[in-house]
Amino acid sequence: MKHEATFFVIYIAEAHPDDGWQTDSNEQEGIRLRQHTTSDERRAAAQSCATKLKLSIPTLLDNMDDAANNAFSAWPERIYIVNKFGIIHYRGGRGPFDFHPTEARTSLVDLLGPKPD
């Protein structure tokens, strides 16, 4: 059995835009983004985020109609694990307060099964 997983970040609508619900921590860190109104704006924000966070996994963009966000109730952040058949194996709580990466890791290990000797 092959043991592998593919990881993605899906960049959705801005959670704390400066023309919306801006947070004190974003202000302190100089993070100032307006809510995206075009795909190019969303792409630029996603690229900036990936660069600043030094992400090594691919970042995908939600469409401007927010289809992924709506389908997965992703705002402001959420972890999903989807099996190879497209069935949700794990649905994490909404971040940041119900965001549990360790719980997601346990679920992923469960999905992949034991490692071969």
PDB file of N, CA and C in Angstrom:
ATOM      1  N   MET A   1       0.840  -1.180   0.000  1.00  0.00           N
ATOM      2  CA  MET A   1       0.000   0.000   0.000  1.00  0.00           C
ATOM      3  C   MET A   1       0.887   1.246   0.000  1.00  0.00           C
ATOM      4  N   LYS A   2       0.600   2.151  -0.892  1.00  0.00           N
ATOM      5  CA  LYS A   2       1.388   3.376  -0.974  1.00  0.00           C
ATOM      6  C   LYS A   2       0.865   4.375   0.054  1.00  0.00           C
ATOM      7  N   HIS A   3       1.759   4.943   0.836  1.00  0.00           N
ATOM      8  CA  HIS A   3       1.389   5.888   1.888  1.00  0.00           C
ATOM      9  C   HIS A   3       1.798   7.289   1.474  1.00  0.00           C
ATOM     10  N   GLU A   4       0.818   8.051   1.049  1.00  0.00           N
ATOM     11  CA  GLU A   4       1.110   9.433   0.699  1.00  0.00           C
ATOM     12  C   GLU A   4      -0.165  10.258   0.778  1.00  0.00           C
ATOM     13  N   ALA A   5       0.049  11.548   0.849  1.00  0.00           N
ATOM     14  CA  ALA A   5      -1.058  12.495   0.864  1.00  0.00           C
ATOM     15  C   ALA A   5      -0.628  13.724   0.083  1.00  0.00           C
ATOM     16  N   THR A   6      -1.571  14.411  -0.478  1.00  0.00           N
ATOM     17  CA  THR A   6      -1.325  15.653  -1.181  1.00  0.00           C
ATOM     18  C   THR A   6      -1.969  16.771  -0.380  1.00  0.00           C
ATOM     19  N   PHE A   7      -1.215  17.830  -0.164  1.00  0.00           N
ATOM     20  CA  PHE A   7      -1.693  18.933   0.653  1.00  0.00           C
ATOM     21  C   PHE A   7      -1.851  20.184  -0.199  1.00  0.00           C
ATOM     22  N   PHE A   8      -2.875  20.971   0.115  1.00  0.00           N
ATOM     23  CA  PHE A   8      -3.119  22.248  -0.542  1.00  0.00           C
ATOM     24  C   PHE A   8      -3.618  23.253   0.482  1.00  0.00           C
ATOM     25  N   VAL A   9      -3.299  24.505   0.234  1.00  0.00           N
ATOM     26  CA  VAL A   9      -3.965  25.621   0.898  1.00  0.00           C
ATOM     27  C   VAL A   9      -4.928  26.162  -0.140  1.00  0.00           C
ATOM     28  N   ILE A  10      -6.165  26.398   0.247  1.00  0.00           N
ATOM     29  CA  ILE A  10      -7.111  27.047  -0.664  1.00  0.00           C
ATOM     30  C   ILE A  10      -7.353  28.447  -0.114  1.00  0.00           C
ATOM     31  N   TYR A  11      -6.895  29.424  -0.859  1.00  0.00           N
ATOM     32  CA  TYR A  11      -7.025  30.818  -0.427  1.00  0.00           C
ATOM     33  C   TYR A  11      -8.427  31.295  -0.755  1.00  0.00           C
ATOM     34  N   ILE A  12      -9.153  31.691   0.280  1.00  0.00           N
ATOM     35  CA  ILE A  12     -10.542  32.121   0.129  1.00  0.00           C
ATOM     36  C   ILE A  12     -10.622  33.636   0.342  1.00  0.00           C
ATOM     37  N   ALA A  13     -11.814  34.153   0.518  1.00  0.00           N
ATOM     38  CA  ALA A  13     -12.006  35.577   0.780  1.00  0.00           C
ATOM     39  C   ALA A  13     -11.175  35.997   1.996  1.00  0.00           C
ATOM     40  N   GLU A  14     -10.725  37.226   1.984  1.00  0.00           N
ATOM     41  CA  GLU A  14      -9.901  37.757   3.072  1.00  0.00           C
ATOM     42  C   GLU A  14     -10.712  37.768   4.371  1.00  0.00           C
ATOM     43  N   ALA A  15     -10.147  37.180   5.429  1.00  0.00           N
ATOM     44  CA  ALA A  15     -10.859  37.085   6.706  1.00  0.00           C
ATOM     45  C   ALA A  15     -10.904  38.430   7.436  1.00  0.00           C
ATOM     46  N   HIS A  16      -9.843  39.201   7.308  1.00  0.00           N
ATOM     47  CA  HIS A  16      -9.749  40.463   8.053  1.00  0.00           C
ATOM     48  C   HIS A  16      -9.284  41.600   7.144  1.00  0.00           C
ATOM     49  N   PRO A  17     -10.122  41.970   6.188  1.00  0.00           N
ATOM     50  CA  PRO A  17      -9.719  43.052   5.293  1.00  0.00           C
ATOM     51  C   PRO A  17      -9.734  44.403   6.001  1.00  0.00           C
ATOM     52  N   ASP A  18      -8.889  45.321   5.529  1.00  0.00           N
ATOM     53  CA  ASP A  18      -8.874  46.627   6.175  1.00  0.00           C
ATOM     54  C   ASP A  18     -10.121  47.446   5.824  1.00  0.00           C
ATOM     55  N   ASP A  19     -10.892  46.997   4.835  1.00  0.00           N
ATOM     56  CA  ASP A  19     -12.167  47.651   4.537  1.00  0.00           C
ATOM     57  C   ASP A  19     -13.335  46.869   5.139  1.00  0.00           C
ATOM     58  N   GLY A  20     -13.023  46.036   6.115  1.00  0.00           N
ATOM     59  CA  GLY A  20     -14.025  45.221   6.787  1.00  0.00           C
ATOM     60  C   GLY A  20     -13.668  45.076   8.251  1.00  0.00           C
ATOM     61  N   TRP A  21     -13.517  43.842   8.711  1.00  0.00           N
ATOM     62  CA  TRP A  21     -13.211  43.560  10.110  1.00  0.00           C
ATOM     63  C   TRP A  21     -11.703  43.407  10.287  1.00  0.00           C
ATOM     64  N   GLN A  22     -10.986  44.494  10.373  1.00  0.00           N
ATOM     65  CA  GLN A  22      -9.538  44.491  10.565  1.00  0.00           C
ATOM     66  C   GLN A  22      -9.241  44.215  12.036  1.00  0.00           C
ATOM     67  N   THR A  23      -8.199  43.444  12.306  1.00  0.00           N
ATOM     68  CA  THR A  23      -7.851  43.103  13.684  1.00  0.00           C
ATOM     69  C   THR A  23      -6.669  43.943  14.158  1.00  0.00           C
ATOM     70  N   ASP A  24      -6.566  44.095  15.462  1.00  0.00           N
ATOM     71  CA  ASP A  24      -5.436  44.830  16.042  1.00  0.00           C
ATOM     72  C   ASP A  24      -4.112  44.159  15.694  1.00  0.00           C
ATOM     73  N   SER A  25      -4.100  42.809  15.713  1.00  0.00           N
ATOM     74  CA  SER A  25      -2.841  42.102  15.417  1.00  0.00           C
ATOM     75  C   SER A  25      -2.405  42.346  13.970  1.00  0.00           C
ATOM     76  N   ASN A  26      -3.352  42.402  13.045  1.00  0.00           N
ATOM     77  CA  ASN A  26      -2.989  42.724  11.661  1.00  0.00           C
ATOM     78  C   ASN A  26      -2.428  44.138  11.575  1.00  0.00           C
ATOM     79  N   GLU A  27      -3.048  45.078  12.275  1.00  0.00           N
ATOM     80  CA  GLU A  27      -2.548  46.454  12.290  1.00  0.00           C
ATOM     81  C   GLU A  27      -1.125  46.493  12.828  1.00  0.00           C
ATOM     82  N   GLN A  28      -0.869  45.802  13.929  1.00  0.00           N
ATOM     83  CA  GLN A  28       0.458  45.789  14.543  1.00  0.00           C
ATOM     84  C   GLN A  28       1.505  45.174  13.629  1.00  0.00           C
ATOM     85  N   GLU A  29       1.101  44.173  12.832  1.00  0.00           N
ATOM     86  CA  GLU A  29       2.038  43.503  11.932  1.00  0.00           C
ATOM     87  C   GLU A  29       2.091  44.136  10.549  1.00  0.00           C
ATOM     88  N   GLY A  30       1.323  45.196  10.344  1.00  0.00           N
ATOM     89  CA  GLY A  30       1.339  45.892   9.061  1.00  0.00           C
ATOM     90  C   GLY A  30       0.648  45.128   7.938  1.00  0.00           C
ATOM     91  N   ILE A  31      -0.284  44.267   8.297  1.00  0.00           N
ATOM     92  CA  ILE A  31      -1.027  43.505   7.296  1.00  0.00           C
ATOM     93  C   ILE A  31      -2.268  44.298   6.933  1.00  0.00           C
ATOM     94  N   ARG A  32      -2.286  44.818   5.727  1.00  0.00           N
ATOM     95  CA  ARG A  32      -3.396  45.654   5.282  1.00  0.00           C
ATOM     96  C   ARG A  32      -3.805  45.211   3.887  1.00  0.00           C
ATOM     97  N   LEU A  33      -4.891  44.470   3.817  1.00  0.00           N
ATOM     98  CA  LEU A  33      -5.422  43.997   2.536  1.00  0.00           C
ATOM     99  C   LEU A  33      -6.886  44.366   2.447  1.00  0.00           C
ATOM    100  N   ARG A  34      -7.285  44.888   1.293  1.00  0.00           N
ATOM    101  CA  ARG A  34      -8.699  45.138   1.051  1.00  0.00           C
ATOM    102  C   ARG A  34      -9.331  43.819   0.599  1.00  0.00           C
ATOM    103  N   GLN A  35     -10.640  43.705   0.753  1.00  0.00           N
ATOM    104  CA  GLN A  35     -11.330  42.505   0.266  1.00  0.00           C
ATOM    105  C   GLN A  35     -11.155  42.431  -1.250  1.00  0.00           C
ATOM    106  N   HIS A  36     -10.839  41.270  -1.755  1.00  0.00           N
ATOM    107  CA  HIS A  36     -10.587  41.083  -3.182  1.00  0.00           C
ATOM    108  C   HIS A  36     -11.871  41.302  -3.976  1.00  0.00           C
ATOM    109  N   THR A  37     -11.728  41.995  -5.084  1.00  0.00           N
ATOM    110  CA  THR A  37     -12.876  42.173  -5.983  1.00  0.00           C
ATOM    111  C   THR A  37     -12.609  41.546  -7.344  1.00  0.00           C
ATOM    112  N   THR A  38     -11.357  41.100  -7.575  1.00  0.00           N
ATOM    113  CA  THR A  38     -11.008  40.439  -8.828  1.00  0.00           C
ATOM    114  C   THR A  38     -10.138  39.222  -8.530  1.00  0.00           C
ATOM    115  N   SER A  39     -10.074  38.319  -9.475  1.00  0.00           N
ATOM    116  CA  SER A  39      -9.206  37.144  -9.338  1.00  0.00           C
ATOM    117  C   SER A  39      -7.749  37.557  -9.234  1.00  0.00           C
ATOM    118  N   ASP A  40      -7.360  38.590  -9.957  1.00  0.00           N
ATOM    119  CA  ASP A  40      -5.965  39.059  -9.891  1.00  0.00           C
ATOM    120  C   ASP A  40      -5.615  39.555  -8.495  1.00  0.00           C
ATOM    121  N   GLU A  41      -6.535  40.263  -7.846  1.00  0.00           N
ATOM    122  CA  GLU A  41      -6.288  40.727  -6.477  1.00  0.00           C
ATOM    123  C   GLU A  41      -6.175  39.543  -5.518  1.00  0.00           C
ATOM    124  N   ARG A  42      -7.037  38.567  -5.681  1.00  0.00           N
ATOM    125  CA  ARG A  42      -6.988  37.384  -4.807  1.00  0.00           C
ATOM    126  C   ARG A  42      -5.685  36.614  -5.041  1.00  0.00           C
ATOM    127  N   ARG A  43      -5.294  36.484  -6.298  1.00  0.00           N
ATOM    128  CA  ARG A  43      -4.047  35.786  -6.628  1.00  0.00           C
ATOM    129  C   ARG A  43      -2.846  36.490  -6.001  1.00  0.00           C
ATOM    130  N   ALA A  44      -2.801  37.812  -6.107  1.00  0.00           N
ATOM    131  CA  ALA A  44      -1.688  38.582  -5.537  1.00  0.00           C
ATOM    132  C   ALA A  44      -1.641  38.420  -4.019  1.00  0.00           C
ATOM    133  N   ALA A  45      -2.801  38.465  -3.361  1.00  0.00           N
ATOM    134  CA  ALA A  45      -2.854  38.285  -1.910  1.00  0.00           C
ATOM    135  C   ALA A  45      -2.395  36.879  -1.520  1.00  0.00           C
ATOM    136  N   ALA A  46      -2.816  35.875  -2.279  1.00  0.00           N
ATOM    137  CA  ALA A  46      -2.422  34.490  -1.996  1.00  0.00           C
ATOM    138  C   ALA A  46      -0.918  34.306  -2.166  1.00  0.00           C
ATOM    139  N   GLN A  47      -0.365  34.893  -3.218  1.00  0.00           N
ATOM    140  CA  GLN A  47       1.073  34.789  -3.445  1.00  0.00           C
ATOM    141  C   GLN A  47       1.857  35.476  -2.334  1.00  0.00           C
ATOM    142  N   SER A  48       1.383  36.639  -1.916  1.00  0.00           N
ATOM    143  CA  SER A  48       2.031  37.354  -0.817  1.00  0.00           C
ATOM    144  C   SER A  48       1.977  36.538   0.467  1.00  0.00           C
ATOM    145  N   CYS A  49       0.837  35.962   0.750  1.00  0.00           N
ATOM    146  CA  CYS A  49       0.659  35.132   1.939  1.00  0.00           C
ATOM    147  C   CYS A  49       1.610  33.931   1.901  1.00  0.00           C
ATOM    148  N   ALA A  50       1.631  33.231   0.784  1.00  0.00           N
ATOM    149  CA  ALA A  50       2.486  32.042   0.651  1.00  0.00           C
ATOM    150  C   ALA A  50       3.959  32.401   0.826  1.00  0.00           C
ATOM    151  N   THR A  51       4.351  33.535   0.275  1.00  0.00           N
ATOM    152  CA  THR A  51       5.749  33.981   0.387  1.00  0.00           C
ATOM    153  C   THR A  51       6.089  34.351   1.821  1.00  0.00           C
ATOM    154  N   LYS A  52       5.249  35.168   2.444  1.00  0.00           N
ATOM    155  CA  LYS A  52       5.527  35.627   3.811  1.00  0.00           C
ATOM    156  C   LYS A  52       5.504  34.493   4.822  1.00  0.00           C
ATOM    157  N   LEU A  53       4.633  33.507   4.602  1.00  0.00           N
ATOM    158  CA  LEU A  53       4.563  32.364   5.511  1.00  0.00           C
ATOM    159  C   LEU A  53       5.528  31.243   5.124  1.00  0.00           C
ATOM    160  N   LYS A  54       6.244  31.441   4.003  1.00  0.00           N
ATOM    161  CA  LYS A  54       7.206  30.447   3.504  1.00  0.00           C
ATOM    162  C   LYS A  54       6.554  29.079   3.325  1.00  0.00           C
ATOM    163  N   LEU A  55       5.355  29.096   2.712  1.00  0.00           N
ATOM    164  CA  LEU A  55       4.631  27.848   2.482  1.00  0.00           C
ATOM    165  C   LEU A  55       5.345  27.020   1.413  1.00  0.00           C
ATOM    166  N   SER A  56       5.433  25.731   1.656  1.00  0.00           N
ATOM    167  CA  SER A  56       6.060  24.828   0.682  1.00  0.00           C
ATOM    168  C   SER A  56       5.020  23.963  -0.019  1.00  0.00           C
ATOM    169  N   ILE A  57       3.752  24.152   0.316  1.00  0.00           N
ATOM    170  CA  ILE A  57       2.693  23.390  -0.335  1.00  0.00           C
ATOM    171  C   ILE A  57       1.944  24.305  -1.298  1.00  0.00           C
ATOM    172  N   PRO A  58       1.361  23.749  -2.341  1.00  0.00           N
ATOM    173  CA  PRO A  58       0.670  24.577  -3.329  1.00  0.00           C
ATOM    174  C   PRO A  58      -0.510  25.332  -2.727  1.00  0.00           C
ATOM    175  N   THR A  59      -0.684  26.558  -3.205  1.00  0.00           N
ATOM    176  CA  THR A  59      -1.814  27.385  -2.804  1.00  0.00           C
ATOM    177  C   THR A  59      -2.754  27.519  -3.996  1.00  0.00           C
ATOM    178  N   LEU A  60      -3.991  27.109  -3.792  1.00  0.00           N
ATOM    179  CA  LEU A  60      -5.023  27.217  -4.821  1.00  0.00           C
ATOM    180  C   LEU A  60      -5.928  28.390  -4.483  1.00  0.00           C
ATOM    181  N   LEU A  61      -6.626  28.918  -5.478  1.00  0.00           N
ATOM    182  CA  LEU A  61      -7.527  30.044  -5.263  1.00  0.00           C
ATOM    183  C   LEU A  61      -8.971  29.620  -5.358  1.00  0.00           C
ATOM    184  N   ASP A  62      -9.769  30.094  -4.419  1.00  0.00           N
ATOM    185  CA  ASP A  62     -11.216  29.951  -4.537  1.00  0.00           C
ATOM    186  C   ASP A  62     -11.661  30.915  -5.634  1.00  0.00           C
ATOM    187  N   ASN A  63     -12.721  30.556  -6.341  1.00  0.00           N
ATOM    188  CA  ASN A  63     -13.282  31.463  -7.345  1.00  0.00           C
ATOM    189  C   ASN A  63     -13.854  32.688  -6.658  1.00  0.00           C
ATOM    190  N   MET A  64     -14.092  33.724  -7.434  1.00  0.00           N
ATOM    191  CA  MET A  64     -14.644  34.956  -6.871  1.00  0.00           C
ATOM    192  C   MET A  64     -16.080  34.778  -6.401  1.00  0.00           C
ATOM    193  N   ASP A  65     -16.739  33.700  -6.805  1.00  0.00           N
ATOM    194  CA  ASP A  65     -18.082  33.418  -6.274  1.00  0.00           C
ATOM    195  C   ASP A  65     -18.011  32.666  -4.940  1.00  0.00           C
ATOM    196  N   ASP A  66     -16.786  32.450  -4.459  1.00  0.00           N
ATOM    197  CA  ASP A  66     -16.531  31.795  -3.164  1.00  0.00           C
ATOM    198  C   ASP A  66     -17.113  30.395  -3.073  1.00  0.00           C
ATOM    199  N   ALA A  67     -17.078  29.658  -4.182  1.00  0.00           N
ATOM    200  CA  ALA A  67     -17.676  28.321  -4.238  1.00  0.00           C
ATOM    201  C   ALA A  67     -17.055  27.360  -3.218  1.00  0.00           C
ATOM    202  N   ALA A  68     -15.724  27.335  -3.110  1.00  0.00           N
ATOM    203  CA  ALA A  68     -15.077  26.425  -2.154  1.00  0.00           C
ATOM    204  C   ALA A  68     -15.406  26.828  -0.720  1.00  0.00           C
ATOM    205  N   ASN A  69     -15.325  28.114  -0.443  1.00  0.00           N
ATOM    206  CA  ASN A  69     -15.653  28.610   0.888  1.00  0.00           C
ATOM    207  C   ASN A  69     -17.077  28.226   1.268  1.00  0.00           C
ATOM    208  N   ASN A  70     -18.014  28.424   0.359  1.00  0.00           N
ATOM    209  CA  ASN A  70     -19.412  28.091   0.644  1.00  0.00           C
ATOM    210  C   ASN A  70     -19.633  26.591   0.789  1.00  0.00           C
ATOM    211  N   ALA A  71     -19.001  25.802  -0.064  1.00  0.00           N
ATOM    212  CA  ALA A  71     -19.183  24.345  -0.024  1.00  0.00           C
ATOM    213  C   ALA A  71     -18.605  23.727   1.244  1.00  0.00           C
ATOM    214  N   PHE A  72     -17.499  24.293   1.732  1.00  0.00           N
ATOM    215  CA  PHE A  72     -16.802  23.698   2.866  1.00  0.00           C
ATOM    216  C   PHE A  72     -16.891  24.522   4.154  1.00  0.00           C
ATOM    217  N   SER A  73     -17.690  25.590   4.146  1.00  0.00           N
ATOM    218  CA  SER A  73     -17.774  26.469   5.328  1.00  0.00           C
ATOM    219  C   SER A  73     -16.379  26.780   5.854  1.00  0.00           C
ATOM    220  N   ALA A  74     -15.540  27.235   4.962  1.00  0.00           N
ATOM    221  CA  ALA A  74     -14.113  27.363   5.248  1.00  0.00           C
ATOM    222  C   ALA A  74     -13.717  28.638   5.993  1.00  0.00           C
ATOM    223  N   TRP A  75     -14.545  29.659   5.971  1.00  0.00           N
ATOM    224  CA  TRP A  75     -14.150  30.935   6.559  1.00  0.00           C
ATOM    225  C   TRP A  75     -14.128  30.863   8.069  1.00  0.00           C
ATOM    226  N   PRO A  76     -13.143  31.376   8.791  1.00  0.00           N
ATOM    227  CA  PRO A  76     -11.948  32.009   8.255  1.00  0.00           C
ATOM    228  C   PRO A  76     -10.842  31.011   7.917  1.00  0.00           C
ATOM    229  N   GLU A  77     -10.866  29.837   8.518  1.00  0.00           N
ATOM    230  CA  GLU A  77      -9.891  28.789   8.189  1.00  0.00           C
ATOM    231  C   GLU A  77     -10.421  27.456   8.699  1.00  0.00           C
ATOM    232  N   ARG A  78     -10.031  26.400   7.998  1.00  0.00           N
ATOM    233  CA  ARG A  78     -10.527  25.085   8.376  1.00  0.00           C
ATOM    234  C   ARG A  78      -9.645  24.023   7.728  1.00  0.00           C
ATOM    235  N   ILE A  79      -9.473  22.894   8.400  1.00  0.00           N
ATOM    236  CA  ILE A  79      -8.728  21.763   7.850  1.00  0.00           C
ATOM    237  C   ILE A  79      -9.726  20.689   7.426  1.00  0.00           C
ATOM    238  N   TYR A  80      -9.548  20.216   6.200  1.00  0.00           N
ATOM    239  CA  TYR A  80     -10.314  19.073   5.698  1.00  0.00           C
ATOM    240  C   TYR A  80      -9.332  18.010   5.229  1.00  0.00           C
ATOM    241  N   ILE A  81      -9.711  16.758   5.408  1.00  0.00           N
ATOM    242  CA  ILE A  81      -8.989  15.634   4.824  1.00  0.00           C
ATOM    243  C   ILE A  81     -10.001  14.892   3.967  1.00  0.00           C
ATOM    244  N   VAL A  82      -9.665  14.754   2.698  1.00  0.00           N
ATOM    245  CA  VAL A  82     -10.562  14.122   1.730  1.00  0.00           C
ATOM    246  C   VAL A  82      -9.866  12.869   1.213  1.00  0.00           C
ATOM    247  N   ASN A  83     -10.571  11.737   1.223  1.00  0.00           N
ATOM    248  CA  ASN A  83      -9.925  10.509   0.757  1.00  0.00           C
ATOM    249  C   ASN A  83      -9.840  10.470  -0.772  1.00  0.00           C
ATOM    250  N   LYS A  84      -9.220   9.443  -1.303  1.00  0.00           N
ATOM    251  CA  LYS A  84      -8.992   9.361  -2.749  1.00  0.00           C
ATOM    252  C   LYS A  84     -10.274   9.219  -3.554  1.00  0.00           C
ATOM    253  N   PHE A  85     -11.381   8.946  -2.897  1.00  0.00           N
ATOM    254  CA  PHE A  85     -12.669   8.842  -3.576  1.00  0.00           C
ATOM    255  C   PHE A  85     -13.469  10.146  -3.501  1.00  0.00           C
ATOM    256  N   GLY A  86     -12.864  11.175  -2.892  1.00  0.00           N
ATOM    257  CA  GLY A  86     -13.527  12.464  -2.770  1.00  0.00           C
ATOM    258  C   GLY A  86     -14.486  12.560  -1.593  1.00  0.00           C
ATOM    259  N   ILE A  87     -14.381  11.618  -0.669  1.00  0.00           N
ATOM    260  CA  ILE A  87     -15.253  11.603   0.509  1.00  0.00           C
ATOM    261  C   ILE A  87     -14.511  12.260   1.674  1.00  0.00           C
ATOM    262  N   ILE A  88     -15.196  13.144   2.377  1.00  0.00           N
ATOM    263  CA  ILE A  88     -14.571  13.828   3.513  1.00  0.00           C
ATOM    264  C   ILE A  88     -14.323  12.825   4.630  1.00  0.00           C
ATOM    265  N   HIS A  89     -13.060  12.711   5.008  1.00  0.00           N
ATOM    266  CA  HIS A  89     -12.649  11.819   6.096  1.00  0.00           C
ATOM    267  C   HIS A  89     -12.577  12.589   7.417  1.00  0.00           C
ATOM    268  N   TYR A  90     -12.198  13.850   7.334  1.00  0.00           N
ATOM    269  CA  TYR A  90     -12.065  14.680   8.534  1.00  0.00           C
ATOM    270  C   TYR A  90     -12.510  16.095   8.208  1.00  0.00           C
ATOM    271  N   ARG A  91     -13.317  16.650   9.066  1.00  0.00           N
ATOM    272  CA  ARG A  91     -13.734  18.050   8.942  1.00  0.00           C
ATOM    273  C   ARG A  91     -13.408  18.723  10.260  1.00  0.00           C
ATOM    274  N   GLY A  92     -12.414  19.563  10.236  1.00  0.00           N
ATOM    275  CA  GLY A  92     -12.015  20.275  11.441  1.00  0.00           C
ATOM    276  C   GLY A  92     -12.969  21.397  11.771  1.00  0.00           C
ATOM    277  N   GLY A  93     -12.841  21.892  12.963  1.00  0.00           N
ATOM    278  CA  GLY A  93     -13.641  23.031  13.388  1.00  0.00           C
ATOM    279  C   GLY A  93     -13.103  24.321  12.781  1.00  0.00           C
ATOM    280  N   ARG A  94     -13.888  25.369  12.883  1.00  0.00           N
ATOM    281  CA  ARG A  94     -13.458  26.661  12.349  1.00  0.00           C
ATOM    282  C   ARG A  94     -12.338  27.237  13.203  1.00  0.00           C
ATOM    283  N   GLY A  95     -11.334  27.720  12.495  1.00  0.00           N
ATOM    284  CA  GLY A  95     -10.223  28.364  13.177  1.00  0.00           C
ATOM    285  C   GLY A  95     -10.569  29.802  13.499  1.00  0.00           C
ATOM    286  N   PRO A  96      -9.803  30.413  14.335  1.00  0.00           N
ATOM    287  CA  PRO A  96      -8.647  29.826  15.003  1.00  0.00           C
ATOM    288  C   PRO A  96      -8.977  29.095  16.300  1.00  0.00           C
ATOM    289  N   PHE A  97     -10.175  29.302  16.854  1.00  0.00           N
ATOM    290  CA  PHE A  97     -10.453  28.776  18.189  1.00  0.00           C
ATOM    291  C   PHE A  97     -10.779  27.285  18.206  1.00  0.00           C
ATOM    292  N   ASP A  98     -11.267  26.740  17.106  1.00  0.00           N
ATOM    293  CA  ASP A  98     -11.594  25.316  17.055  1.00  0.00           C
ATOM    294  C   ASP A  98     -10.728  24.624  15.996  1.00  0.00           C
ATOM    295  N   PHE A  99      -9.516  25.105  15.866  1.00  0.00           N
ATOM    296  CA  PHE A  99      -8.554  24.634  14.880  1.00  0.00           C
ATOM    297  C   PHE A  99      -7.585  23.701  15.594  1.00  0.00           C
ATOM    298  N   HIS A 100      -7.573  22.398  15.229  1.00  0.00           N
ATOM    299  CA  HIS A 100      -6.770  21.410  15.957  1.00  0.00           C
ATOM    300  C   HIS A 100      -5.921  20.582  14.990  1.00  0.00           C
ATOM    301  N   PRO A 101      -4.764  21.105  14.600  1.00  0.00           N
ATOM    302  CA  PRO A 101      -3.904  20.372  13.657  1.00  0.00           C
ATOM    303  C   PRO A 101      -3.494  18.981  14.141  1.00  0.00           C
ATOM    304  N   THR A 102      -3.295  18.806  15.445  1.00  0.00           N
ATOM    305  CA  THR A 102      -2.908  17.490  15.965  1.00  0.00           C
ATOM    306  C   THR A 102      -4.031  16.477  15.747  1.00  0.00           C
ATOM    307  N   GLU A 103      -5.257  16.909  15.945  1.00  0.00           N
ATOM    308  CA  GLU A 103      -6.419  16.051  15.692  1.00  0.00           C
ATOM    309  C   GLU A 103      -6.492  15.681  14.208  1.00  0.00           C
ATOM    310  N   ALA A 104      -6.211  16.642  13.341  1.00  0.00           N
ATOM    311  CA  ALA A 104      -6.205  16.383  11.895  1.00  0.00           C
ATOM    312  C   ALA A 104      -5.105  15.387  11.535  1.00  0.00           C
ATOM    313  N   ARG A 105      -3.954  15.539  12.154  1.00  0.00           N
ATOM    314  CA  ARG A 105      -2.845  14.607  11.891  1.00  0.00           C
ATOM    315  C   ARG A 105      -3.241  13.188  12.281  1.00  0.00           C
ATOM    316  N   THR A 106      -3.865  13.035  13.429  1.00  0.00           N
ATOM    317  CA  THR A 106      -4.314  11.720  13.871  1.00  0.00           C
ATOM    318  C   THR A 106      -5.287  11.119  12.862  1.00  0.00           C
ATOM    319  N   SER A 107      -6.186  11.944  12.350  1.00  0.00           N
ATOM    320  CA  SER A 107      -7.153  11.482  11.357  1.00  0.00           C
ATOM    321  C   SER A 107      -6.461  11.062  10.064  1.00  0.00           C
ATOM    322  N   LEU A 108      -5.463  11.823   9.655  1.00  0.00           N
ATOM    323  CA  LEU A 108      -4.718  11.488   8.441  1.00  0.00           C
ATOM    324  C   LEU A 108      -3.976  10.163   8.605  1.00  0.00           C
ATOM    325  N   VAL A 109      -3.338   9.977   9.733  1.00  0.00           N
ATOM    326  CA  VAL A 109      -2.633   8.716  10.018  1.00  0.00           C
ATOM    327  C   VAL A 109      -3.634   7.553   9.977  1.00  0.00           C
ATOM    328  N   ASP A 110      -4.801   7.764  10.536  1.00  0.00           N
ATOM    329  CA  ASP A 110      -5.847   6.743  10.524  1.00  0.00           C
ATOM    330  C   ASP A 110      -6.262   6.408   9.081  1.00  0.00           C
ATOM    331  N   LEU A 111      -6.432   7.433   8.263  1.00  0.00           N
ATOM    332  CA  LEU A 111      -6.824   7.231   6.871  1.00  0.00           C
ATOM    333  C   LEU A 111      -5.767   6.463   6.090  1.00  0.00           C
ATOM    334  N   LEU A 112      -4.509   6.834   6.280  1.00  0.00           N
ATOM    335  CA  LEU A 112      -3.432   6.207   5.509  1.00  0.00           C
ATOM    336  C   LEU A 112      -3.112   4.799   5.983  1.00  0.00           C
ATOM    337  N   GLY A 113      -3.472   4.488   7.202  1.00  0.00           N
ATOM    338  CA  GLY A 113      -3.199   3.146   7.723  1.00  0.00           C
ATOM    339  C   GLY A 113      -1.783   3.012   8.209  1.00  0.00           C
ATOM    340  N   PRO A 114      -1.458   1.841   8.740  1.00  0.00           N
ATOM    341  CA  PRO A 114      -0.114   1.627   9.295  1.00  0.00           C
ATOM    342  C   PRO A 114       0.947   1.658   8.196  1.00  0.00           C
ATOM    343  N   LYS A 115       2.110   2.131   8.583  1.00  0.00           N
ATOM    344  CA  LYS A 115       3.245   2.148   7.660  1.00  0.00           C
ATOM    345  C   LYS A 115       3.783   0.724   7.508  1.00  0.00           C
ATOM    346  N   PRO A 116       4.191   0.397   6.295  1.00  0.00           N
ATOM    347  CA  PRO A 116       4.774  -0.942   6.120  1.00  0.00           C
ATOM    348  C   PRO A 116       6.132  -1.028   6.807  1.00  0.00           C
ATOM    349  N   ASP A 117       6.493  -2.232   7.207  1.00  0.00           N
ATOM    350  CA  ASP A 117       7.808  -2.422   7.876  1.00  0.00           C
ATOM    351  C   ASP A 117       8.933  -2.344   6.891  1.00  0.00           C
TER     352      ASP A 117
END
